[in-house]
Amino acid sequence: MVKSFEAFLYMENQTISILGCGWYGLAMAKALVADGYDVNGSTTSEEKLETFKKLNVKPYLINFDSESVNYDESFFNCAILIISIPPKRNAQADYPGKIRNIALAAEKAKVKQVIFISSTGIFQNGNFIVDEETIPEPNTTAGQVLLAAEKVLKENQAFSTTIIRFAGLIGPERNLAKHFAGKTDIANGLAPINLIHLDDCMGITKAIIQQKAFGNIYHGVTPSHPSRKEFYTQACLTSGFEKPAFIEELLDWKQVESKNVAEILSYQFKIENWLVYAEIKH
């Protein structure tokens, strides 16, 4: 009988590879190392390799851009592959092909579980409440290429694909209030916010892995949706920024709910109320 999660890890001898160790990916790598996993981490920047080593993350210099595909096959020798590389603004059209090449590399290495980090930006502002059962009909290029990338992975039968669609990311070094400080006549002040803290991004990912709750779509969105005016005004004041001025109007909007996070994972969000969070200086 397995008496602890640590013993379970030892028996399974799992390695997790994170393709794209940016703001979320590197934090996730550190958290998984702390939990006892062997972690491979990738970057396109040689300067980051030494940082990975210091964190006990095995470093890989990997690039899947269409003009310069370069990777070490040993990176894909893992039980779980986390893909955390958003589409570049200047190369969005190439993104589905990039994901297809990654999928082929994972298939060749016989990876069994792929976790793809997507975005709630895949949904159009349809003046509606959406959850994981809602079919996206994106009307932006970024949303369309994300949907195409999700389809590429889900159609590959060599591995099981789990999709996490994160909302707007907030946390260390990401104080979104600064984008509104001192501005006036900011449109759509009554629209609901869709945000998630880095701590909950990591918490949801770890819950999926620990519970082996693979093969589903999860919306990583805090179930608190105050208006843009309420949240960002308070966040600016708490941060010592100049107060912004929003127009009290409701234009195009969406409210994203995390049904599967609650029903499948029984996950308890660390940040539950954005107005309470906004009152605390970070």
Foldseek 3Di string as FASTA:
>chain_A
DDPDPLSVCVVVLFEEEEEDCDPLNVVLQLVVVVVPHAYEYEDCDPVCCVVCVVSNHHYWNADLQPVDGDGDLVSLLGQEYEYDDAADPVGLVCLLVSLLVVLVSNLVNLHAEYEYEAAPLLADLPVEEDEQVDDHDHPDSSNVSRVSNVVSNCPDPSYAYEYEHEYAEDEVPRLVLVVQFPAEAAEAQQAWGWYAYSVQVSVLVVLCVSVVVTRGYWYRTAPETGGNQLQSQLLCVQQVGHGGYYDPDHDRYYHYDGVCCCPVRVDDGPDRYRNVVSNHRD
